[in-house]
Amino acid sequence: MNTQVMTLAPDAVQGSPSGESVWERALIDFVRGASAEGKTIVVSTEVATLTPDEVARGLNLSRSTVSRRIADGTIQSVKVGNRHHVPYPEYRRLWKDSMTGAVAASMDDIEAKLFDDE
């Protein structure tokens, strides 16, 4: 039996404009193709997770910092076996927070370069 899988990442479908988008067209074509071949179509979802190492690399933090934040509850995680994994939405929240902090920290420098009369 030949099983085909189509995976859509959260970023691919969030914030799509109204009307048919590229991912919607690809999904429709995938379903129509499977149907034409007489295949059963199963649609499911799963929460994508990242390992603490992946989170650390993505946020430019140390692995130990991520582990401490998971332990103190600052970073939400789920246990997979005996290991912690960070759900993708939590990673996105952390990433957005870090970018907001970086922008806020550099605003004074940017304003000084743009508006200071020297």
Protein backbone atom coordinates (compact mmCIF):
# COMPACT_ATOMS: atom_id res chain seq x y z
CA MET A 1 0.00 0.00 0.00
CA ASN A 2 1.37 3.40 -0.99
CA THR A 3 0.45 6.12 1.50
CA GLN A 4 0.95 9.75 0.59
CA VAL A 5 1.20 12.44 3.24
CA MET A 6 0.81 16.17 2.87
CA THR A 7 2.16 18.29 5.70
CA LEU A 8 1.28 21.94 6.21
CA ALA A 9 3.35 23.90 8.72
CA PRO A 10 1.51 26.43 10.93
CA ASP A 11 3.34 29.36 9.36
CA ALA A 12 2.16 28.30 5.91
CA VAL A 13 -1.51 28.72 6.74
CA GLN A 14 -1.61 31.52 9.32
CA GLY A 15 -2.50 34.97 8.13
CA SER A 16 -3.60 33.88 4.67
CA PRO A 17 -5.58 36.53 2.81
CA SER A 18 -9.19 35.79 2.00
CA GLY A 19 -9.71 33.85 -1.16
CA GLU A 20 -7.86 30.76 -2.28
CA SER A 21 -4.18 30.71 -1.34
CA VAL A 22 -1.33 28.51 -2.55
CA TRP A 23 -1.65 26.06 0.35
CA GLU A 24 -5.41 25.77 -0.15
CA ARG A 25 -4.94 25.00 -3.85
CA ALA A 26 -2.27 22.39 -3.03
CA LEU A 27 -4.55 20.76 -0.45
CA ILE A 28 -7.52 20.66 -2.83
CA ASP A 29 -5.37 19.13 -5.58
CA PHE A 30 -3.97 16.56 -3.14
CA VAL A 31 -7.47 15.51 -1.99
CA ARG A 32 -8.85 15.37 -5.53
CA GLY A 33 -5.88 13.28 -6.69
CA ALA A 34 -6.29 10.80 -3.83
CA SER A 35 -10.02 10.63 -4.42
CA ALA A 36 -9.52 9.95 -8.14
CA GLU A 37 -7.27 7.02 -7.17
CA GLY A 38 -10.01 5.64 -4.90
CA LYS A 39 -8.05 6.31 -1.73
CA THR A 40 -9.53 7.09 1.66
CA ILE A 41 -8.64 10.58 2.81
CA VAL A 42 -7.75 11.12 6.46
CA VAL A 43 -7.23 14.63 7.83
CA SER A 44 -5.55 15.03 11.20
CA THR A 45 -3.56 17.53 13.19
CA GLU A 46 -0.66 17.29 15.57
CA VAL A 47 1.13 19.80 17.68
CA ALA A 48 4.61 20.28 16.34
CA THR A 49 7.19 20.40 19.07
CA LEU A 50 10.83 21.37 19.32
CA THR A 51 13.51 19.94 21.54
CA PRO A 52 15.15 22.22 24.11
CA ASP A 53 18.27 22.20 21.90
CA GLU A 54 16.26 23.45 18.92
CA VAL A 55 14.63 26.16 21.03
CA ALA A 56 18.03 27.24 22.37
CA ARG A 57 19.47 27.52 18.85
CA GLY A 58 16.42 29.39 17.54
CA LEU A 59 16.44 31.92 20.37
CA ASN A 60 20.23 32.18 20.68
CA LEU A 61 20.14 30.90 24.25
CA SER A 62 22.12 28.18 25.97
CA ARG A 63 20.58 24.75 26.39
CA SER A 64 20.90 25.10 30.17
CA THR A 65 18.96 28.40 30.12
CA VAL A 66 16.12 26.74 28.22
CA SER A 67 16.15 23.81 30.67
CA ARG A 68 16.03 26.15 33.69
CA ARG A 69 13.12 28.09 32.16
CA ILE A 70 11.26 24.85 31.48
CA ALA A 71 11.86 23.77 35.09
CA ASP A 72 10.62 27.06 36.55
CA GLY A 73 7.59 27.19 34.23
CA THR A 74 8.68 30.24 32.23
CA ILE A 75 8.69 28.06 29.11
CA GLN A 76 5.73 25.73 28.69
CA SER A 77 6.61 22.21 27.66
CA VAL A 78 5.13 18.76 27.29
CA LYS A 79 6.74 15.51 28.34
CA VAL A 80 7.41 13.02 25.57
CA GLY A 81 8.61 9.93 27.35
CA ASN A 82 11.10 11.27 29.86
CA ARG A 83 12.06 14.33 27.81
CA HIS A 84 10.62 17.81 27.56
CA HIS A 85 9.47 19.23 24.23
CA VAL A 86 8.30 22.78 23.57
CA PRO A 87 5.11 23.16 21.51
CA TYR A 88 5.58 25.25 18.38
CA PRO A 89 3.10 27.96 19.48
CA GLU A 90 5.10 28.42 22.69
CA TYR A 91 8.32 28.73 20.68
CA ARG A 92 6.68 31.39 18.46
CA ARG A 93 5.57 33.31 21.57
CA LEU A 94 9.11 33.22 22.95
CA TRP A 95 10.55 34.30 19.60
CA LYS A 96 8.14 37.23 19.29
CA ASP A 97 8.87 38.29 22.88
CA SER A 98 12.61 38.20 22.24
CA MET A 99 12.25 40.26 19.05
CA THR A 100 10.05 42.80 20.85
CA GLY A 101 12.70 43.08 23.57
CA ALA A 102 15.49 43.49 21.05
CA VAL A 103 13.64 46.26 19.23
CA ALA A 104 12.79 48.05 22.48
CA ALA A 105 16.41 47.81 23.63
CA SER A 106 17.74 49.34 20.44
CA MET A 107 15.12 52.11 20.03
CA ASP A 108 17.11 54.69 22.01
CA ASP A 109 20.20 54.05 19.87
CA ILE A 110 18.20 54.30 16.65
CA GLU A 111 16.48 57.53 17.75
CA ALA A 112 19.82 59.01 18.78
CA LYS A 113 21.34 58.28 15.38
CA LEU A 114 18.33 59.63 13.52
CA PHE A 115 17.41 62.72 15.51
CA ASP A 116 20.40 63.90 17.54
CA ASP A 117 21.74 67.27 16.44
CA GLU A 118 25.50 67.01 16.50
